[in-house]
Amino acid sequence: MNEDDTLDIRDPWTMPYLEYEQTFIKALRKQIGRSHLLFGRDVQVLALRRDPDAVIYETVDEPLLYVLVFHSWSEPVVPRRGKNLKTEVLASREAVRQRVDKDHAEWKAQFSQKSKA
């Protein structure tokens, strides 16, 4: 990994605590079906967000993929496989960086709008 590969994860995104990463991966595996592009893939969590409930996964195996998955934690128990979760493929690590930056700018803007009111 070179210096350009370093991601600056900023609000509203956060890095998961390592002890909880497997919880997100298990939830993903439980919720997706065979047709999902991450089905059966070895993944790690790059970032997570609470509103909306979303996780950016990176595949560890080839081909390398960056995938934003919108989870549903609203049920008392994580729903079983059925309809695949809403998913966005991010084309590269740079696309992940751009998504985090865009979401951060929108997140910051909400505070400046509230202070003007």
PDB file of N, CA and C in Angstrom:
ATOM      1  N   MET A   1       0.868  -1.183   0.000  1.00  0.00           N
ATOM      2  CA  MET A   1       0.000   0.000   0.000  1.00  0.00           C
ATOM      3  C   MET A   1       0.900   1.227   0.000  1.00  0.00           C
ATOM      4  N   ASN A   2       0.624   2.141  -0.897  1.00  0.00           N
ATOM      5  CA  ASN A   2       1.405   3.370  -0.901  1.00  0.00           C
ATOM      6  C   ASN A   2       0.619   4.481  -0.217  1.00  0.00           C
ATOM      7  N   GLU A   3       1.238   5.640  -0.099  1.00  0.00           N
ATOM      8  CA  GLU A   3       0.623   6.766   0.612  1.00  0.00           C
ATOM      9  C   GLU A   3      -0.717   7.182   0.008  1.00  0.00           C
ATOM     10  N   ASP A   4      -0.848   7.066  -1.321  1.00  0.00           N
ATOM     11  CA  ASP A   4      -2.089   7.461  -1.995  1.00  0.00           C
ATOM     12  C   ASP A   4      -3.256   6.537  -1.665  1.00  0.00           C
ATOM     13  N   ASP A   5      -2.964   5.335  -1.138  1.00  0.00           N
ATOM     14  CA  ASP A   5      -4.013   4.385  -0.804  1.00  0.00           C
ATOM     15  C   ASP A   5      -4.650   4.660   0.553  1.00  0.00           C
ATOM     16  N   THR A   6      -4.067   5.547   1.340  1.00  0.00           N
ATOM     17  CA  THR A   6      -4.585   5.849   2.662  1.00  0.00           C
ATOM     18  C   THR A   6      -5.913   6.602   2.536  1.00  0.00           C
ATOM     19  N   LEU A   7      -6.926   6.116   3.257  1.00  0.00           N
ATOM     20  CA  LEU A   7      -8.235   6.757   3.247  1.00  0.00           C
ATOM     21  C   LEU A   7      -8.408   7.599   4.503  1.00  0.00           C
ATOM     22  N   ASP A   8      -8.911   8.795   4.321  1.00  0.00           N
ATOM     23  CA  ASP A   8      -9.234   9.671   5.438  1.00  0.00           C
ATOM     24  C   ASP A   8     -10.736   9.511   5.684  1.00  0.00           C
ATOM     25  N   ILE A   9     -11.103   8.697   6.653  1.00  0.00           N
ATOM     26  CA  ILE A   9     -12.510   8.435   6.957  1.00  0.00           C
ATOM     27  C   ILE A   9     -12.996   9.526   7.898  1.00  0.00           C
ATOM     28  N   ARG A  10     -14.027  10.275   7.445  1.00  0.00           N
ATOM     29  CA  ARG A  10     -14.531  11.418   8.209  1.00  0.00           C
ATOM     30  C   ARG A  10     -16.041  11.308   8.375  1.00  0.00           C
ATOM     31  N   ASP A  11     -16.562  12.044   9.370  1.00  0.00           N
ATOM     32  CA  ASP A  11     -18.008  12.054   9.612  1.00  0.00           C
ATOM     33  C   ASP A  11     -18.752  12.342   8.319  1.00  0.00           C
ATOM     34  N   PRO A  12     -19.847  11.698   8.112  1.00  0.00           N
ATOM     35  CA  PRO A  12     -20.597  10.806   8.985  1.00  0.00           C
ATOM     36  C   PRO A  12     -20.124   9.352   8.949  1.00  0.00           C
ATOM     37  N   TRP A  13     -19.044   9.085   8.223  1.00  0.00           N
ATOM     38  CA  TRP A  13     -18.459   7.747   8.193  1.00  0.00           C
ATOM     39  C   TRP A  13     -17.520   7.579   9.375  1.00  0.00           C
ATOM     40  N   THR A  14     -17.286   6.347   9.766  1.00  0.00           N
ATOM     41  CA  THR A  14     -16.346   6.054  10.838  1.00  0.00           C
ATOM     42  C   THR A  14     -15.683   4.713  10.548  1.00  0.00           C
ATOM     43  N   MET A  15     -14.605   4.467  11.224  1.00  0.00           N
ATOM     44  CA  MET A  15     -13.923   3.177  11.124  1.00  0.00           C
ATOM     45  C   MET A  15     -14.531   2.254  12.182  1.00  0.00           C
ATOM     46  N   PRO A  16     -14.719   0.990  11.859  1.00  0.00           N
ATOM     47  CA  PRO A  16     -15.247   0.077  12.870  1.00  0.00           C
ATOM     48  C   PRO A  16     -14.146  -0.341  13.842  1.00  0.00           C
ATOM     49  N   TYR A  17     -14.531  -0.595  15.080  1.00  0.00           N
ATOM     50  CA  TYR A  17     -13.589  -1.213  16.008  1.00  0.00           C
ATOM     51  C   TYR A  17     -13.319  -2.613  15.483  1.00  0.00           C
ATOM     52  N   LEU A  18     -12.066  -3.027  15.523  1.00  0.00           N
ATOM     53  CA  LEU A  18     -11.707  -4.333  14.954  1.00  0.00           C
ATOM     54  C   LEU A  18     -12.489  -5.483  15.575  1.00  0.00           C
ATOM     55  N   GLU A  19     -12.814  -5.376  16.860  1.00  0.00           N
ATOM     56  CA  GLU A  19     -13.540  -6.469  17.509  1.00  0.00           C
ATOM     57  C   GLU A  19     -14.977  -6.600  16.993  1.00  0.00           C
ATOM     58  N   TYR A  20     -15.485  -5.569  16.297  1.00  0.00           N
ATOM     59  CA  TYR A  20     -16.848  -5.628  15.755  1.00  0.00           C
ATOM     60  C   TYR A  20     -16.897  -5.880  14.252  1.00  0.00           C
ATOM     61  N   GLU A  21     -15.751  -5.872  13.589  1.00  0.00           N
ATOM     62  CA  GLU A  21     -15.739  -6.044  12.138  1.00  0.00           C
ATOM     63  C   GLU A  21     -16.429  -7.340  11.720  1.00  0.00           C
ATOM     64  N   GLN A  22     -16.170  -8.415  12.413  1.00  0.00           N
ATOM     65  CA  GLN A  22     -16.783  -9.697  12.047  1.00  0.00           C
ATOM     66  C   GLN A  22     -18.301  -9.673  12.206  1.00  0.00           C
ATOM     67  N   THR A  23     -18.822  -8.850  13.100  1.00  0.00           N
ATOM     68  CA  THR A  23     -20.269  -8.715  13.259  1.00  0.00           C
ATOM     69  C   THR A  23     -20.894  -8.192  11.966  1.00  0.00           C
ATOM     70  N   PHE A  24     -20.264  -7.196  11.364  1.00  0.00           N
ATOM     71  CA  PHE A  24     -20.768  -6.630  10.107  1.00  0.00           C
ATOM     72  C   PHE A  24     -20.637  -7.633   8.961  1.00  0.00           C
ATOM     73  N   ILE A  25     -19.527  -8.352   8.934  1.00  0.00           N
ATOM     74  CA  ILE A  25     -19.311  -9.339   7.879  1.00  0.00           C
ATOM     75  C   ILE A  25     -20.316 -10.481   8.006  1.00  0.00           C
ATOM     76  N   LYS A  26     -20.573 -10.934   9.235  1.00  0.00           N
ATOM     77  CA  LYS A  26     -21.574 -11.996   9.437  1.00  0.00           C
ATOM     78  C   LYS A  26     -22.965 -11.526   9.046  1.00  0.00           C
ATOM     79  N   ALA A  27     -23.299 -10.273   9.368  1.00  0.00           N
ATOM     80  CA  ALA A  27     -24.602  -9.722   8.978  1.00  0.00           C
ATOM     81  C   ALA A  27     -24.726  -9.681   7.460  1.00  0.00           C
ATOM     82  N   LEU A  28     -23.667  -9.253   6.793  1.00  0.00           N
ATOM     83  CA  LEU A  28     -23.672  -9.223   5.330  1.00  0.00           C
ATOM     84  C   LEU A  28     -23.933 -10.613   4.777  1.00  0.00           C
ATOM     85  N   ARG A  29     -23.193 -11.573   5.247  1.00  0.00           N
ATOM     86  CA  ARG A  29     -23.331 -12.949   4.731  1.00  0.00           C
ATOM     87  C   ARG A  29     -24.715 -13.514   4.995  1.00  0.00           C
ATOM     88  N   LYS A  30     -25.305 -13.121   6.103  1.00  0.00           N
ATOM     89  CA  LYS A  30     -26.639 -13.614   6.456  1.00  0.00           C
ATOM     90  C   LYS A  30     -27.720 -12.969   5.590  1.00  0.00           C
ATOM     91  N   GLN A  31     -27.500 -11.742   5.148  1.00  0.00           N
ATOM     92  CA  GLN A  31     -28.534 -10.980   4.455  1.00  0.00           C
ATOM     93  C   GLN A  31     -28.491 -11.078   2.933  1.00  0.00           C
ATOM     94  N   ILE A  32     -27.371 -11.494   2.359  1.00  0.00           N
ATOM     95  CA  ILE A  32     -27.290 -11.499   0.896  1.00  0.00           C
ATOM     96  C   ILE A  32     -27.512 -12.901   0.328  1.00  0.00           C
ATOM     97  N   GLY A  33     -27.980 -12.919  -0.905  1.00  0.00           N
ATOM     98  CA  GLY A  33     -28.205 -14.182  -1.599  1.00  0.00           C
ATOM     99  C   GLY A  33     -27.100 -14.459  -2.605  1.00  0.00           C
ATOM    100  N   ARG A  34     -27.227 -15.590  -3.275  1.00  0.00           N
ATOM    101  CA  ARG A  34     -26.212 -16.039  -4.236  1.00  0.00           C
ATOM    102  C   ARG A  34     -25.968 -15.046  -5.373  1.00  0.00           C
ATOM    103  N   SER A  35     -26.951 -14.249  -5.712  1.00  0.00           N
ATOM    104  CA  SER A  35     -26.793 -13.327  -6.839  1.00  0.00           C
ATOM    105  C   SER A  35     -26.050 -12.042  -6.463  1.00  0.00           C
ATOM    106  N   HIS A  36     -25.798 -11.819  -5.167  1.00  0.00           N
ATOM    107  CA  HIS A  36     -25.092 -10.610  -4.742  1.00  0.00           C
ATOM    108  C   HIS A  36     -23.609 -10.738  -5.074  1.00  0.00           C
ATOM    109  N   LEU A  37     -22.989  -9.661  -5.550  1.00  0.00           N
ATOM    110  CA  LEU A  37     -21.596  -9.739  -5.979  1.00  0.00           C
ATOM    111  C   LEU A  37     -20.616 -10.021  -4.851  1.00  0.00           C
ATOM    112  N   LEU A  38     -21.021  -9.868  -3.596  1.00  0.00           N
ATOM    113  CA  LEU A  38     -20.131 -10.199  -2.479  1.00  0.00           C
ATOM    114  C   LEU A  38     -20.378 -11.604  -1.927  1.00  0.00           C
ATOM    115  N   PHE A  39     -21.356 -12.313  -2.489  1.00  0.00           N
ATOM    116  CA  PHE A  39     -21.665 -13.658  -1.993  1.00  0.00           C
ATOM    117  C   PHE A  39     -20.431 -14.559  -2.162  1.00  0.00           C
ATOM    118  N   GLY A  40     -20.017 -15.164  -1.065  1.00  0.00           N
ATOM    119  CA  GLY A  40     -18.881 -16.082  -1.077  1.00  0.00           C
ATOM    120  C   GLY A  40     -17.518 -15.414  -1.174  1.00  0.00           C
ATOM    121  N   ARG A  41     -17.489 -14.093  -1.111  1.00  0.00           N
ATOM    122  CA  ARG A  41     -16.222 -13.366  -1.215  1.00  0.00           C
ATOM    123  C   ARG A  41     -15.653 -13.109   0.178  1.00  0.00           C
ATOM    124  N   ASP A  42     -14.329 -13.038   0.248  1.00  0.00           N
ATOM    125  CA  ASP A  42     -13.631 -12.692   1.478  1.00  0.00           C
ATOM    126  C   ASP A  42     -13.567 -11.165   1.522  1.00  0.00           C
ATOM    127  N   VAL A  43     -14.151 -10.558   2.564  1.00  0.00           N
ATOM    128  CA  VAL A  43     -14.247  -9.102   2.639  1.00  0.00           C
ATOM    129  C   VAL A  43     -13.715  -8.565   3.962  1.00  0.00           C
ATOM    130  N   GLN A  44     -13.444  -7.267   3.950  1.00  0.00           N
ATOM    131  CA  GLN A  44     -13.136  -6.529   5.182  1.00  0.00           C
ATOM    132  C   GLN A  44     -13.929  -5.228   5.141  1.00  0.00           C
ATOM    133  N   VAL A  45     -14.135  -4.648   6.307  1.00  0.00           N
ATOM    134  CA  VAL A  45     -14.899  -3.403   6.424  1.00  0.00           C
ATOM    135  C   VAL A  45     -13.940  -2.215   6.353  1.00  0.00           C
ATOM    136  N   LEU A  46     -14.223  -1.297   5.424  1.00  0.00           N
ATOM    137  CA  LEU A  46     -13.425  -0.068   5.337  1.00  0.00           C
ATOM    138  C   LEU A  46     -14.025   1.038   6.190  1.00  0.00           C
ATOM    139  N   ALA A  47     -15.366   1.175   6.150  1.00  0.00           N
ATOM    140  CA  ALA A  47     -16.014   2.274   6.865  1.00  0.00           C
ATOM    141  C   ALA A  47     -17.477   1.928   7.084  1.00  0.00           C
ATOM    142  N   LEU A  48     -18.077   2.571   8.074  1.00  0.00           N
ATOM    143  CA  LEU A  48     -19.501   2.378   8.314  1.00  0.00           C
ATOM    144  C   LEU A  48     -20.148   3.698   8.651  1.00  0.00           C
ATOM    145  N   ARG A  49     -21.471   3.708   8.458  1.00  0.00           N
ATOM    146  CA  ARG A  49     -22.261   4.927   8.668  1.00  0.00           C
ATOM    147  C   ARG A  49     -23.586   4.534   9.297  1.00  0.00           C
ATOM    148  N   ARG A  50     -24.061   5.340  10.239  1.00  0.00           N
ATOM    149  CA  ARG A  50     -25.307   5.013  10.938  1.00  0.00           C
ATOM    150  C   ARG A  50     -26.549   5.557  10.243  1.00  0.00           C
ATOM    151  N   ASP A  51     -26.458   6.671   9.555  1.00  0.00           N
ATOM    152  CA  ASP A  51     -27.660   7.244   8.944  1.00  0.00           C
ATOM    153  C   ASP A  51     -27.344   7.666   7.517  1.00  0.00           C
ATOM    154  N   PRO A  52     -27.667   6.870   6.530  1.00  0.00           N
ATOM    155  CA  PRO A  52     -28.349   5.580   6.634  1.00  0.00           C
ATOM    156  C   PRO A  52     -27.366   4.495   7.063  1.00  0.00           C
ATOM    157  N   ASP A  53     -27.917   3.370   7.509  1.00  0.00           N
ATOM    158  CA  ASP A  53     -27.073   2.248   7.932  1.00  0.00           C
ATOM    159  C   ASP A  53     -26.369   1.678   6.715  1.00  0.00           C
ATOM    160  N   ALA A  54     -25.092   1.962   6.606  1.00  0.00           N
ATOM    161  CA  ALA A  54     -24.343   1.542   5.427  1.00  0.00           C
ATOM    162  C   ALA A  54     -22.932   1.132   5.821  1.00  0.00           C
ATOM    163  N   VAL A  55     -22.381   0.217   5.043  1.00  0.00           N
ATOM    164  CA  VAL A  55     -21.025  -0.261   5.261  1.00  0.00           C
ATOM    165  C   VAL A  55     -20.324  -0.311   3.910  1.00  0.00           C
ATOM    166  N   ILE A  56     -19.083   0.149   3.877  1.00  0.00           N
ATOM    167  CA  ILE A  56     -18.271  -0.012   2.679  1.00  0.00           C
ATOM    168  C   ILE A  56     -17.354  -1.213   2.922  1.00  0.00           C
ATOM    169  N   TYR A  57     -17.534  -2.222   2.075  1.00  0.00           N
ATOM    170  CA  TYR A  57     -16.725  -3.436   2.147  1.00  0.00           C
ATOM    171  C   TYR A  57     -15.689  -3.417   1.036  1.00  0.00           C
ATOM    172  N   GLU A  58     -14.526  -3.991   1.327  1.00  0.00           N
ATOM    173  CA  GLU A  58     -13.481  -4.188   0.335  1.00  0.00           C
ATOM    174  C   GLU A  58     -13.219  -5.680   0.262  1.00  0.00           C
ATOM    175  N   THR A  59     -13.151  -6.228  -0.938  1.00  0.00           N
ATOM    176  CA  THR A  59     -12.827  -7.649  -1.047  1.00  0.00           C
ATOM    177  C   THR A  59     -11.337  -7.831  -0.779  1.00  0.00           C
ATOM    178  N   VAL A  60     -11.023  -8.945  -0.152  1.00  0.00           N
ATOM    179  CA  VAL A  60      -9.636  -9.270   0.147  1.00  0.00           C
ATOM    180  C   VAL A  60      -9.078 -10.127  -0.987  1.00  0.00           C
ATOM    181  N   ASP A  61      -9.949 -10.922  -1.597  1.00  0.00           N
ATOM    182  CA  ASP A  61      -9.545 -11.765  -2.709  1.00  0.00           C
ATOM    183  C   ASP A  61      -9.719 -11.015  -4.030  1.00  0.00           C
ATOM    184  N   GLU A  62      -9.195 -11.583  -5.101  1.00  0.00           N
ATOM    185  CA  GLU A  62      -9.293 -10.964  -6.429  1.00  0.00           C
ATOM    186  C   GLU A  62     -10.557 -11.410  -7.135  1.00  0.00           C
ATOM    187  N   PRO A  63     -11.160 -10.604  -7.962  1.00  0.00           N
ATOM    188  CA  PRO A  63     -10.786  -9.235  -8.265  1.00  0.00           C
ATOM    189  C   PRO A  63     -11.196  -8.303  -7.127  1.00  0.00           C
ATOM    190  N   LEU A  64     -10.401  -7.275  -6.928  1.00  0.00           N
ATOM    191  CA  LEU A  64     -10.633  -6.312  -5.859  1.00  0.00           C
ATOM    192  C   LEU A  64     -11.879  -5.488  -6.155  1.00  0.00           C
ATOM    193  N   LEU A  65     -12.806  -5.440  -5.188  1.00  0.00           N
ATOM    194  CA  LEU A  65     -14.031  -4.660  -5.318  1.00  0.00           C
ATOM    195  C   LEU A  65     -14.218  -3.802  -4.080  1.00  0.00           C
ATOM    196  N   TYR A  66     -14.855  -2.645  -4.281  1.00  0.00           N
ATOM    197  CA  TYR A  66     -15.271  -1.770  -3.187  1.00  0.00           C
ATOM    198  C   TYR A  66     -16.780  -1.639  -3.321  1.00  0.00           C
ATOM    199  N   VAL A  67     -17.494  -2.053  -2.281  1.00  0.00           N
ATOM    200  CA  VAL A  67     -18.945  -2.132  -2.389  1.00  0.00           C
ATOM    201  C   VAL A  67     -19.590  -1.481  -1.168  1.00  0.00           C
ATOM    202  N   LEU A  68     -20.491  -0.542  -1.449  1.00  0.00           N
ATOM    203  CA  LEU A  68     -21.276   0.127  -0.410  1.00  0.00           C
ATOM    204  C   LEU A  68     -22.594  -0.622  -0.284  1.00  0.00           C
ATOM    205  N   VAL A  69     -22.866  -1.143   0.896  1.00  0.00           N
ATOM    206  CA  VAL A  69     -24.079  -1.924   1.137  1.00  0.00           C
ATOM    207  C   VAL A  69     -24.917  -1.217   2.192  1.00  0.00           C
ATOM    208  N   PHE A  70     -26.198  -1.012   1.874  1.00  0.00           N
ATOM    209  CA  PHE A  70     -27.126  -0.396   2.817  1.00  0.00           C
ATOM    210  C   PHE A  70     -27.831  -1.513   3.584  1.00  0.00           C
ATOM    211  N   HIS A  71     -27.520  -1.606   4.862  1.00  0.00           N
ATOM    212  CA  HIS A  71     -28.093  -2.650   5.717  1.00  0.00           C
ATOM    213  C   HIS A  71     -29.403  -2.174   6.326  1.00  0.00           C
ATOM    214  N   SER A  72     -30.143  -3.122   6.859  1.00  0.00           N
ATOM    215  CA  SER A  72     -31.354  -2.798   7.604  1.00  0.00           C
ATOM    216  C   SER A  72     -31.217  -3.401   8.988  1.00  0.00           C
ATOM    217  N   TRP A  73     -30.938  -2.550   9.953  1.00  0.00           N
ATOM    218  CA  TRP A  73     -30.806  -3.017  11.340  1.00  0.00           C
ATOM    219  C   TRP A  73     -32.101  -2.778  12.106  1.00  0.00           C
ATOM    220  N   SER A  74     -33.142  -2.326  11.436  1.00  0.00           N
ATOM    221  CA  SER A  74     -34.367  -1.935  12.126  1.00  0.00           C
ATOM    222  C   SER A  74     -35.119  -3.125  12.714  1.00  0.00           C
ATOM    223  N   GLU A  75     -34.912  -4.305  12.166  1.00  0.00           N
ATOM    224  CA  GLU A  75     -35.595  -5.477  12.708  1.00  0.00           C
ATOM    225  C   GLU A  75     -34.850  -5.945  13.953  1.00  0.00           C
ATOM    226  N   PRO A  76     -35.571  -6.568  14.914  1.00  0.00           N
ATOM    227  CA  PRO A  76     -34.910  -7.008  16.140  1.00  0.00           C
ATOM    228  C   PRO A  76     -33.811  -8.033  15.868  1.00  0.00           C
ATOM    229  N   VAL A  77     -33.996  -8.831  14.831  1.00  0.00           N
ATOM    230  CA  VAL A  77     -32.999  -9.812  14.429  1.00  0.00           C
ATOM    231  C   VAL A  77     -32.660  -9.488  12.975  1.00  0.00           C
ATOM    232  N   VAL A  78     -31.395  -9.584  12.634  1.00  0.00           N
ATOM    233  CA  VAL A  78     -30.995  -9.292  11.261  1.00  0.00           C
ATOM    234  C   VAL A  78     -31.774 -10.205  10.321  1.00  0.00           C
ATOM    235  N   PRO A  79     -32.419  -9.633   9.291  1.00  0.00           N
ATOM    236  CA  PRO A  79     -33.225 -10.449   8.396  1.00  0.00           C
ATOM    237  C   PRO A  79     -32.389 -11.484   7.656  1.00  0.00           C
ATOM    238  N   ARG A  80     -33.017 -12.610   7.381  1.00  0.00           N
ATOM    239  CA  ARG A  80     -32.350 -13.672   6.631  1.00  0.00           C
ATOM    240  C   ARG A  80     -32.317 -13.318   5.161  1.00  0.00           C
ATOM    241  N   ARG A  81     -31.524 -14.080   4.439  1.00  0.00           N
ATOM    242  CA  ARG A  81     -31.423 -13.876   2.992  1.00  0.00           C
ATOM    243  C   ARG A  81     -32.773 -13.842   2.334  1.00  0.00           C
ATOM    244  N   GLY A  82     -32.887 -13.042   1.398  1.00  0.00           N
ATOM    245  CA  GLY A  82     -34.097 -12.917   0.615  1.00  0.00           C
ATOM    246  C   GLY A  82     -33.747 -12.006  -0.530  1.00  0.00           C
ATOM    247  N   LYS A  83     -34.388 -10.891  -0.547  1.00  0.00           N
ATOM    248  CA  LYS A  83     -34.073  -9.870  -1.537  1.00  0.00           C
ATOM    249  C   LYS A  83     -32.719  -9.256  -1.165  1.00  0.00           C
ATOM    250  N   ASN A  84     -31.845  -9.095  -2.147  1.00  0.00           N
ATOM    251  CA  ASN A  84     -30.525  -8.530  -1.858  1.00  0.00           C
ATOM    252  C   ASN A  84     -30.634  -7.092  -1.380  1.00  0.00           C
ATOM    253  N   LEU A  85     -29.689  -6.711  -0.544  1.00  0.00           N
ATOM    254  CA  LEU A  85     -29.636  -5.363  -0.003  1.00  0.00           C
ATOM    255  C   LEU A  85     -29.257  -4.370  -1.098  1.00  0.00           C
ATOM    256  N   LYS A  86     -29.700  -3.114  -0.931  1.00  0.00           N
ATOM    257  CA  LYS A  86     -29.303  -2.072  -1.868  1.00  0.00           C
ATOM    258  C   LYS A  86     -27.786  -1.965  -1.822  1.00  0.00           C
ATOM    259  N   THR A  87     -27.185  -1.950  -2.988  1.00  0.00           N
ATOM    260  CA  THR A  87     -25.740  -2.012  -3.106  1.00  0.00           C
ATOM    261  C   THR A  87     -25.255  -1.045  -4.174  1.00  0.00           C
ATOM    262  N   GLU A  88     -24.137  -0.395  -3.912  1.00  0.00           N
ATOM    263  CA  GLU A  88     -23.481   0.457  -4.905  1.00  0.00           C
ATOM    264  C   GLU A  88     -22.036   0.002  -5.036  1.00  0.00           C
ATOM    265  N   VAL A  89     -21.592  -0.219  -6.264  1.00  0.00           N
ATOM    266  CA  VAL A  89     -20.198  -0.567  -6.501  1.00  0.00           C
ATOM    267  C   VAL A  89     -19.416   0.729  -6.663  1.00  0.00           C
ATOM    268  N   LEU A  90     -18.338   0.847  -5.924  1.00  0.00           N
ATOM    269  CA  LEU A  90     -17.439   1.990  -6.039  1.00  0.00           C
ATOM    270  C   LEU A  90     -16.238   1.509  -6.856  1.00  0.00           C
ATOM    271  N   ALA A  91     -15.940   2.170  -7.935  1.00  0.00           N
ATOM    272  CA  ALA A  91     -15.013   1.670  -8.953  1.00  0.00           C
ATOM    273  C   ALA A  91     -13.568   1.482  -8.480  1.00  0.00           C
ATOM    274  N   SER A  92     -13.181   2.209  -7.450  1.00  0.00           N
ATOM    275  CA  SER A  92     -11.782   2.161  -7.014  1.00  0.00           C
ATOM    276  C   SER A  92     -11.675   2.728  -5.601  1.00  0.00           C
ATOM    277  N   ARG A  93     -10.479   2.628  -5.061  1.00  0.00           N
ATOM    278  CA  ARG A  93     -10.232   3.238  -3.750  1.00  0.00           C
ATOM    279  C   ARG A  93     -10.431   4.751  -3.834  1.00  0.00           C
ATOM    280  N   GLU A  94     -10.087   5.346  -4.970  1.00  0.00           N
ATOM    281  CA  GLU A  94     -10.307   6.773  -5.183  1.00  0.00           C
ATOM    282  C   GLU A  94     -11.802   7.085  -5.154  1.00  0.00           C
ATOM    283  N   ALA A  95     -12.628   6.209  -5.709  1.00  0.00           N
ATOM    284  CA  ALA A  95     -14.087   6.406  -5.679  1.00  0.00           C
ATOM    285  C   ALA A  95     -14.605   6.330  -4.242  1.00  0.00           C
ATOM    286  N   VAL A  96     -14.010   5.481  -3.417  1.00  0.00           N
ATOM    287  CA  VAL A  96     -14.372   5.422  -1.993  1.00  0.00           C
ATOM    288  C   VAL A  96     -14.029   6.759  -1.349  1.00  0.00           C
ATOM    289  N   ARG A  97     -12.837   7.255  -1.625  1.00  0.00           N
ATOM    290  CA  ARG A  97     -12.392   8.547  -1.073  1.00  0.00           C
ATOM    291  C   ARG A  97     -13.350   9.663  -1.491  1.00  0.00           C
ATOM    292  N   GLN A  98     -13.748   9.681  -2.745  1.00  0.00           N
ATOM    293  CA  GLN A  98     -14.668  10.706  -3.242  1.00  0.00           C
ATOM    294  C   GLN A  98     -16.036  10.600  -2.575  1.00  0.00           C
ATOM    295  N   ARG A  99     -16.518   9.377  -2.348  1.00  0.00           N
ATOM    296  CA  ARG A  99     -17.819   9.190  -1.684  1.00  0.00           C
ATOM    297  C   ARG A  99     -17.767   9.708  -0.254  1.00  0.00           C
ATOM    298  N   VAL A 100     -16.704   9.365   0.464  1.00  0.00           N
ATOM    299  CA  VAL A 100     -16.550   9.826   1.845  1.00  0.00           C
ATOM    300  C   VAL A 100     -16.463  11.353   1.871  1.00  0.00           C
ATOM    301  N   ASP A 101     -15.700  11.944   0.958  1.00  0.00           N
ATOM    302  CA  ASP A 101     -15.572  13.400   0.901  1.00  0.00           C
ATOM    303  C   ASP A 101     -16.913  14.067   0.596  1.00  0.00           C
ATOM    304  N   LYS A 102     -17.661  13.517  -0.356  1.00  0.00           N
ATOM    305  CA  LYS A 102     -18.975  14.066  -0.720  1.00  0.00           C
ATOM    306  C   LYS A 102     -19.928  13.996   0.475  1.00  0.00           C
ATOM    307  N   ASP A 103     -19.989  12.843   1.114  1.00  0.00           N
ATOM    308  CA  ASP A 103     -20.876  12.693   2.269  1.00  0.00           C
ATOM    309  C   ASP A 103     -20.459  13.607   3.411  1.00  0.00           C
ATOM    310  N   HIS A 104     -19.150  13.791   3.585  1.00  0.00           N
ATOM    311  CA  HIS A 104     -18.655  14.677   4.641  1.00  0.00           C
ATOM    312  C   HIS A 104     -19.075  16.126   4.370  1.00  0.00           C
ATOM    313  N   ALA A 105     -18.957  16.558   3.118  1.00  0.00           N
ATOM    314  CA  ALA A 105     -19.350  17.929   2.761  1.00  0.00           C
ATOM    315  C   ALA A 105     -20.843  18.132   3.010  1.00  0.00           C
ATOM    316  N   GLU A 106     -21.668  17.157   2.635  1.00  0.00           N
ATOM    317  CA  GLU A 106     -23.115  17.255   2.875  1.00  0.00           C
ATOM    318  C   GLU A 106     -23.417  17.261   4.366  1.00  0.00           C
ATOM    319  N   TRP A 107     -22.708  16.437   5.113  1.00  0.00           N
ATOM    320  CA  TRP A 107     -22.899  16.345   6.561  1.00  0.00           C
ATOM    321  C   TRP A 107     -22.561  17.686   7.218  1.00  0.00           C
ATOM    322  N   LYS A 108     -21.425  18.300   6.831  1.00  0.00           N
ATOM    323  CA  LYS A 108     -21.029  19.602   7.388  1.00  0.00           C
ATOM    324  C   LYS A 108     -22.019  20.690   7.007  1.00  0.00           C
ATOM    325  N   ALA A 109     -22.527  20.648   5.786  1.00  0.00           N
ATOM    326  CA  ALA A 109     -23.450  21.676   5.297  1.00  0.00           C
ATOM    327  C   ALA A 109     -24.720  21.742   6.133  1.00  0.00           C
ATOM    328  N   GLN A 110     -25.170  20.611   6.651  1.00  0.00           N
ATOM    329  CA  GLN A 110     -26.401  20.623   7.450  1.00  0.00           C
ATOM    330  C   GLN A 110     -26.240  21.470   8.708  1.00  0.00           C
ATOM    331  N   PHE A 111     -25.043  21.557   9.249  1.00  0.00           N
ATOM    332  CA  PHE A 111     -24.814  22.351  10.457  1.00  0.00           C
ATOM    333  C   PHE A 111     -24.771  23.845  10.129  1.00  0.00           C
ATOM    334  N   SER A 112     -24.206  24.199   8.995  1.00  0.00           N
ATOM    335  CA  SER A 112     -24.171  25.613   8.641  1.00  0.00           C
ATOM    336  C   SER A 112     -25.574  26.103   8.255  1.00  0.00           C
ATOM    337  N   GLN A 113     -26.404  25.237   7.684  1.00  0.00           N
ATOM    338  CA  GLN A 113     -27.780  25.602   7.375  1.00  0.00           C
ATOM    339  C   GLN A 113     -28.588  25.821   8.632  1.00  0.00           C
ATOM    340  N   LYS A 114     -28.365  24.974   9.651  1.00  0.00           N
ATOM    341  CA  LYS A 114     -29.091  25.108  10.905  1.00  0.00           C
ATOM    342  C   LYS A 114     -28.701  26.389  11.638  1.00  0.00           C
ATOM    343  N   SER A 115     -27.436  26.781  11.548  1.00  0.00           N
ATOM    344  CA  SER A 115     -27.010  27.985  12.255  1.00  0.00           C
ATOM    345  C   SER A 115     -27.536  29.257  11.589  1.00  0.00           C
ATOM    346  N   LYS A 116     -27.869  29.178  10.290  1.00  0.00           N
ATOM    347  CA  LYS A 116     -28.438  30.329   9.577  1.00  0.00           C
ATOM    348  C   LYS A 116     -29.913  30.517   9.903  1.00  0.00           C
ATOM    349  N   ALA A 117     -30.567  29.458  10.352  1.00  0.00           N
ATOM    350  CA  ALA A 117     -32.010  29.525  10.616  1.00  0.00           C
ATOM    351  C   ALA A 117     -32.328  30.267  11.894  1.00  0.00           C
TER     352      ALA A 117
END
